[in-house]
Amino acid sequence: MADIENRSRDFWREAKRLRCKCGGISSVVDGMTVSEDIADKFASKYKELYTSVTYDVDEMQGIRCSLSQSCISDTMSSPMVCVEDVLSAIRHLKPDKSDGNFQLHSLSKCM
């Protein structure tokens, strides 16, 4: 009960510390120790998984054609984006998030 009333502890910091405990990075995967070999092993397993689901080639081609036509017609009609749409989207961003690519960040709520 004393721990619950201890206001000097930061619950979220402690939860993050517990969650971030990860083991070391393994230097051996399936008997391989060279990073390129390990990467190739992961790539081959991913390819095996990715291609393990069967599909109808004609149906897939139909979907591709449909998507291509949709993209072409969407660019021809030039949908308009107004300032209100952009501002609304910005207001719905979570604070302190990054795009992970161009190093763009949303602002903190307290700013």
N, C-alpha and C. Protein backbone atom coordinates (compact mmCIF):
# COMPACT_ATOMS: atom_id res chain seq x y z
N MET A 1 0.82 -1.20 0.00
CA MET A 1 0.00 0.00 0.00
C MET A 1 0.87 1.26 0.00
N ALA A 2 2.02 1.19 0.63
CA ALA A 2 2.91 2.35 0.69
C ALA A 2 3.40 2.73 -0.70
N ASP A 3 3.64 1.74 -1.58
CA ASP A 3 4.11 2.03 -2.92
C ASP A 3 3.09 2.81 -3.73
N ILE A 4 1.80 2.51 -3.54
CA ILE A 4 0.75 3.19 -4.29
C ILE A 4 0.70 4.66 -3.94
N GLU A 5 0.92 4.97 -2.70
CA GLU A 5 0.83 6.35 -2.25
C GLU A 5 2.14 7.11 -2.42
N ASN A 6 3.18 6.47 -2.89
CA ASN A 6 4.47 7.10 -3.09
C ASN A 6 4.40 7.97 -4.35
N ARG A 7 4.23 9.26 -4.19
CA ARG A 7 4.06 10.19 -5.31
C ARG A 7 5.39 10.53 -6.00
N SER A 8 6.52 10.13 -5.44
CA SER A 8 7.81 10.45 -6.04
C SER A 8 8.14 9.52 -7.20
N ARG A 9 7.41 8.44 -7.36
CA ARG A 9 7.67 7.49 -8.44
C ARG A 9 6.87 7.88 -9.68
N ASP A 10 7.46 7.71 -10.84
CA ASP A 10 6.81 8.02 -12.11
C ASP A 10 6.38 6.72 -12.77
N PHE A 11 5.07 6.45 -12.76
CA PHE A 11 4.54 5.21 -13.28
C PHE A 11 4.97 4.95 -14.71
N TRP A 12 4.81 5.96 -15.59
CA TRP A 12 5.09 5.75 -17.01
C TRP A 12 6.57 5.54 -17.27
N ARG A 13 7.44 6.22 -16.53
CA ARG A 13 8.88 6.00 -16.69
C ARG A 13 9.25 4.59 -16.28
N GLU A 14 8.66 4.12 -15.18
CA GLU A 14 8.95 2.75 -14.73
C GLU A 14 8.40 1.72 -15.71
N ALA A 15 7.21 1.97 -16.26
CA ALA A 15 6.63 1.03 -17.22
C ALA A 15 7.50 0.97 -18.47
N LYS A 16 7.98 2.12 -18.93
CA LYS A 16 8.83 2.15 -20.11
C LYS A 16 10.14 1.42 -19.84
N ARG A 17 10.70 1.61 -18.67
CA ARG A 17 11.95 0.94 -18.32
C ARG A 17 11.77 -0.58 -18.31
N LEU A 18 10.66 -1.05 -17.78
CA LEU A 18 10.39 -2.48 -17.75
C LEU A 18 10.15 -3.03 -19.15
N ARG A 19 9.42 -2.30 -19.95
CA ARG A 19 9.08 -2.73 -21.30
C ARG A 19 10.31 -2.75 -22.20
N CYS A 20 11.25 -1.86 -22.00
CA CYS A 20 12.39 -1.74 -22.89
C CYS A 20 13.53 -2.70 -22.55
N LYS A 21 13.34 -3.49 -21.53
CA LYS A 21 14.39 -4.46 -21.22
C LYS A 21 14.38 -5.53 -22.28
N CYS A 22 15.41 -5.52 -23.08
CA CYS A 22 15.51 -6.52 -24.12
C CYS A 22 16.84 -7.22 -24.00
N GLY A 23 16.87 -8.45 -24.46
CA GLY A 23 18.10 -9.21 -24.42
C GLY A 23 19.10 -8.67 -25.42
N GLY A 24 20.28 -9.15 -25.33
CA GLY A 24 21.31 -8.75 -26.27
C GLY A 24 20.99 -9.28 -27.66
N ILE A 25 21.66 -8.74 -28.61
CA ILE A 25 21.48 -9.16 -30.00
C ILE A 25 22.29 -10.44 -30.20
N SER A 26 21.65 -11.43 -30.74
CA SER A 26 22.31 -12.70 -30.97
C SER A 26 23.30 -12.57 -32.12
N SER A 27 24.44 -13.21 -31.96
CA SER A 27 25.44 -13.18 -33.03
C SER A 27 25.39 -14.46 -33.86
N VAL A 28 24.51 -15.41 -33.48
CA VAL A 28 24.37 -16.66 -34.21
C VAL A 28 22.89 -16.91 -34.48
N VAL A 29 22.55 -17.11 -35.75
CA VAL A 29 21.18 -17.43 -36.14
C VAL A 29 21.23 -18.66 -37.03
N ASP A 30 20.58 -19.70 -36.61
CA ASP A 30 20.59 -20.97 -37.37
C ASP A 30 22.00 -21.41 -37.73
N GLY A 31 22.93 -21.22 -36.81
CA GLY A 31 24.31 -21.65 -37.03
C GLY A 31 25.14 -20.69 -37.86
N MET A 32 24.56 -19.59 -38.32
CA MET A 32 25.28 -18.61 -39.13
C MET A 32 25.75 -17.45 -38.27
N THR A 33 26.96 -16.98 -38.52
CA THR A 33 27.52 -15.89 -37.72
C THR A 33 27.82 -14.64 -38.55
N VAL A 34 27.87 -14.76 -39.86
CA VAL A 34 28.16 -13.61 -40.72
C VAL A 34 26.85 -12.86 -40.97
N SER A 35 26.86 -11.55 -40.78
CA SER A 35 25.62 -10.76 -40.87
C SER A 35 24.95 -10.87 -42.24
N GLU A 36 25.73 -10.95 -43.31
CA GLU A 36 25.15 -11.09 -44.64
C GLU A 36 24.42 -12.42 -44.79
N ASP A 37 24.99 -13.49 -44.23
CA ASP A 37 24.34 -14.81 -44.28
C ASP A 37 23.04 -14.80 -43.48
N ILE A 38 23.07 -14.14 -42.33
CA ILE A 38 21.86 -14.04 -41.49
C ILE A 38 20.78 -13.25 -42.23
N ALA A 39 21.18 -12.15 -42.88
CA ALA A 39 20.23 -11.34 -43.65
C ALA A 39 19.63 -12.15 -44.79
N ASP A 40 20.48 -12.93 -45.48
CA ASP A 40 19.99 -13.77 -46.57
C ASP A 40 19.01 -14.82 -46.06
N LYS A 41 19.28 -15.37 -44.88
CA LYS A 41 18.39 -16.38 -44.28
C LYS A 41 17.02 -15.75 -44.01
N PHE A 42 17.02 -14.55 -43.41
CA PHE A 42 15.75 -13.86 -43.15
C PHE A 42 15.02 -13.55 -44.45
N ALA A 43 15.77 -13.11 -45.46
CA ALA A 43 15.15 -12.78 -46.75
C ALA A 43 14.51 -14.02 -47.38
N SER A 44 15.20 -15.15 -47.32
CA SER A 44 14.64 -16.36 -47.92
C SER A 44 13.42 -16.84 -47.15
N LYS A 45 13.45 -16.73 -45.83
CA LYS A 45 12.29 -17.12 -45.02
C LYS A 45 11.11 -16.21 -45.29
N TYR A 46 11.38 -14.90 -45.42
CA TYR A 46 10.32 -13.94 -45.73
C TYR A 46 9.71 -14.25 -47.09
N LYS A 47 10.57 -14.51 -48.08
CA LYS A 47 10.07 -14.82 -49.42
C LYS A 47 9.23 -16.09 -49.39
N GLU A 48 9.68 -17.08 -48.64
CA GLU A 48 8.92 -18.33 -48.51
C GLU A 48 7.55 -18.07 -47.89
N LEU A 49 7.52 -17.26 -46.84
CA LEU A 49 6.25 -16.91 -46.20
C LEU A 49 5.36 -16.09 -47.12
N TYR A 50 5.96 -15.12 -47.78
CA TYR A 50 5.21 -14.20 -48.64
C TYR A 50 4.57 -14.92 -49.82
N THR A 51 5.25 -15.92 -50.34
CA THR A 51 4.74 -16.63 -51.51
C THR A 51 4.01 -17.92 -51.16
N SER A 52 3.78 -18.16 -49.88
CA SER A 52 3.15 -19.42 -49.48
C SER A 52 1.63 -19.43 -49.70
N VAL A 53 1.04 -18.27 -49.91
CA VAL A 53 -0.40 -18.19 -50.12
C VAL A 53 -0.67 -18.24 -51.62
N THR A 54 -1.51 -19.18 -52.02
CA THR A 54 -1.82 -19.28 -53.44
C THR A 54 -2.87 -18.24 -53.84
N TYR A 55 -2.86 -17.88 -55.10
CA TYR A 55 -3.85 -16.93 -55.61
C TYR A 55 -4.08 -17.19 -57.08
N ASP A 56 -5.18 -16.68 -57.56
CA ASP A 56 -5.54 -16.83 -58.97
C ASP A 56 -4.85 -15.72 -59.76
N VAL A 57 -3.99 -16.08 -60.71
CA VAL A 57 -3.21 -15.11 -61.48
C VAL A 57 -4.12 -14.15 -62.25
N ASP A 58 -5.18 -14.67 -62.86
CA ASP A 58 -6.08 -13.80 -63.63
C ASP A 58 -6.81 -12.82 -62.72
N GLU A 59 -7.24 -13.30 -61.55
CA GLU A 59 -7.92 -12.41 -60.60
C GLU A 59 -6.97 -11.31 -60.13
N MET A 60 -5.72 -11.68 -59.85
CA MET A 60 -4.73 -10.70 -59.40
C MET A 60 -4.46 -9.67 -60.49
N GLN A 61 -4.39 -10.11 -61.73
CA GLN A 61 -4.17 -9.18 -62.84
C GLN A 61 -5.36 -8.22 -62.97
N GLY A 62 -6.56 -8.73 -62.76
CA GLY A 62 -7.76 -7.88 -62.79
C GLY A 62 -7.72 -6.81 -61.71
N ILE A 63 -7.26 -7.19 -60.53
CA ILE A 63 -7.14 -6.23 -59.42
C ILE A 63 -6.10 -5.17 -59.77
N ARG A 64 -4.96 -5.60 -60.34
CA ARG A 64 -3.93 -4.63 -60.73
C ARG A 64 -4.45 -3.64 -61.76
N CYS A 65 -5.16 -4.16 -62.75
CA CYS A 65 -5.72 -3.27 -63.79
C CYS A 65 -6.72 -2.29 -63.20
N SER A 66 -7.57 -2.79 -62.32
CA SER A 66 -8.57 -1.94 -61.69
C SER A 66 -7.92 -0.83 -60.87
N LEU A 67 -6.88 -1.18 -60.12
CA LEU A 67 -6.17 -0.17 -59.33
C LEU A 67 -5.46 0.84 -60.22
N SER A 68 -4.86 0.36 -61.28
CA SER A 68 -4.17 1.27 -62.21
C SER A 68 -5.15 2.26 -62.81
N GLN A 69 -6.30 1.77 -63.25
CA GLN A 69 -7.32 2.65 -63.84
C GLN A 69 -7.82 3.65 -62.81
N SER A 70 -8.00 3.18 -61.58
CA SER A 70 -8.46 4.06 -60.50
C SER A 70 -7.45 5.17 -60.25
N CYS A 71 -6.16 4.82 -60.21
CA CYS A 71 -5.12 5.83 -59.99
C CYS A 71 -5.09 6.84 -61.11
N ILE A 72 -5.22 6.37 -62.35
CA ILE A 72 -5.20 7.28 -63.51
C ILE A 72 -6.39 8.22 -63.45
N SER A 73 -7.58 7.69 -63.18
CA SER A 73 -8.77 8.55 -63.16
C SER A 73 -8.74 9.52 -61.98
N ASP A 74 -8.15 9.10 -60.84
CA ASP A 74 -8.05 9.99 -59.69
C ASP A 74 -7.11 11.16 -59.98
N THR A 75 -6.01 10.91 -60.69
CA THR A 75 -5.08 12.01 -60.98
C THR A 75 -5.65 12.94 -62.04
N MET A 76 -6.51 12.41 -62.90
CA MET A 76 -7.13 13.24 -63.94
C MET A 76 -8.15 14.20 -63.35
N SER A 77 -8.85 13.77 -62.31
CA SER A 77 -9.89 14.62 -61.73
C SER A 77 -9.33 15.64 -60.75
N SER A 78 -8.06 15.54 -60.39
CA SER A 78 -7.37 16.49 -59.51
C SER A 78 -8.20 16.87 -58.29
N PRO A 79 -8.31 15.98 -57.32
CA PRO A 79 -9.08 16.33 -56.12
C PRO A 79 -8.44 17.52 -55.41
N MET A 80 -9.27 18.40 -54.94
CA MET A 80 -8.80 19.62 -54.29
C MET A 80 -8.68 19.40 -52.79
N VAL A 81 -7.65 19.96 -52.20
CA VAL A 81 -7.45 19.94 -50.75
C VAL A 81 -7.47 21.38 -50.31
N CYS A 82 -8.37 21.68 -49.39
CA CYS A 82 -8.46 23.06 -48.93
C CYS A 82 -7.71 23.22 -47.60
N VAL A 83 -7.48 24.45 -47.20
CA VAL A 83 -6.75 24.77 -45.98
C VAL A 83 -7.43 24.15 -44.77
N GLU A 84 -8.76 24.14 -44.74
CA GLU A 84 -9.48 23.58 -43.60
C GLU A 84 -9.19 22.09 -43.45
N ASP A 85 -9.06 21.37 -44.57
CA ASP A 85 -8.73 19.95 -44.52
C ASP A 85 -7.37 19.72 -43.88
N VAL A 86 -6.40 20.53 -44.29
CA VAL A 86 -5.04 20.40 -43.75
C VAL A 86 -5.02 20.72 -42.27
N LEU A 87 -5.66 21.81 -41.88
CA LEU A 87 -5.69 22.20 -40.47
C LEU A 87 -6.40 21.15 -39.63
N SER A 88 -7.47 20.58 -40.14
CA SER A 88 -8.18 19.52 -39.43
C SER A 88 -7.29 18.31 -39.24
N ALA A 89 -6.56 17.93 -40.28
CA ALA A 89 -5.65 16.78 -40.19
C ALA A 89 -4.55 17.05 -39.18
N ILE A 90 -4.01 18.26 -39.16
CA ILE A 90 -2.95 18.62 -38.21
C ILE A 90 -3.46 18.53 -36.78
N ARG A 91 -4.69 18.99 -36.55
CA ARG A 91 -5.27 18.94 -35.20
C ARG A 91 -5.44 17.50 -34.71
N HIS A 92 -5.56 16.55 -35.62
CA HIS A 92 -5.75 15.16 -35.22
C HIS A 92 -4.45 14.37 -35.07
N LEU A 93 -3.31 15.02 -35.33
CA LEU A 93 -2.03 14.33 -35.15
C LEU A 93 -1.77 14.10 -33.67
N LYS A 94 -1.18 12.98 -33.36
CA LYS A 94 -0.77 12.73 -31.98
C LYS A 94 0.45 13.60 -31.70
N PRO A 95 0.57 14.13 -30.48
CA PRO A 95 1.71 15.00 -30.17
C PRO A 95 3.02 14.23 -30.12
N ASP A 96 4.10 14.91 -30.45
CA ASP A 96 5.46 14.38 -30.35
C ASP A 96 5.70 13.13 -31.18
N LYS A 97 5.10 13.07 -32.37
CA LYS A 97 5.31 11.93 -33.26
C LYS A 97 6.19 12.36 -34.42
N SER A 98 6.96 11.41 -34.95
CA SER A 98 7.86 11.69 -36.07
C SER A 98 7.45 10.85 -37.27
N ASP A 99 7.73 11.36 -38.46
CA ASP A 99 7.43 10.60 -39.65
C ASP A 99 8.44 9.49 -39.89
N GLY A 100 9.58 9.54 -39.22
CA GLY A 100 10.58 8.49 -39.34
C GLY A 100 11.37 8.53 -40.63
N ASN A 101 11.07 9.48 -41.49
CA ASN A 101 11.76 9.52 -42.77
C ASN A 101 12.36 10.90 -43.03
N PHE A 102 11.52 11.92 -43.06
CA PHE A 102 11.98 13.27 -43.37
C PHE A 102 12.24 14.09 -42.10
N GLN A 103 12.17 13.45 -40.97
CA GLN A 103 12.40 14.08 -39.67
C GLN A 103 11.43 15.23 -39.41
N LEU A 104 10.18 15.02 -39.79
CA LEU A 104 9.12 15.96 -39.46
C LEU A 104 8.48 15.49 -38.15
N HIS A 105 8.14 16.43 -37.29
CA HIS A 105 7.60 16.09 -35.98
C HIS A 105 6.33 16.89 -35.71
N SER A 106 5.36 16.22 -35.08
CA SER A 106 4.18 16.96 -34.63
C SER A 106 4.54 17.66 -33.32
N LEU A 107 3.87 18.75 -33.06
CA LEU A 107 4.18 19.54 -31.87
C LEU A 107 3.59 18.90 -30.63
N SER A 108 4.23 19.20 -29.52
CA SER A 108 3.73 18.76 -28.24
C SER A 108 2.49 19.56 -27.90
N LYS A 109 1.53 18.96 -27.20
CA LYS A 109 0.27 19.64 -26.83
C LYS A 109 0.52 20.84 -25.93
N CYS A 110 1.64 20.83 -25.17
CA CYS A 110 1.87 21.93 -24.24
C CYS A 110 2.54 23.12 -24.88
N MET A 111 2.82 23.05 -26.18
CA MET A 111 3.46 24.20 -26.86
C MET A 111 2.43 25.18 -27.31
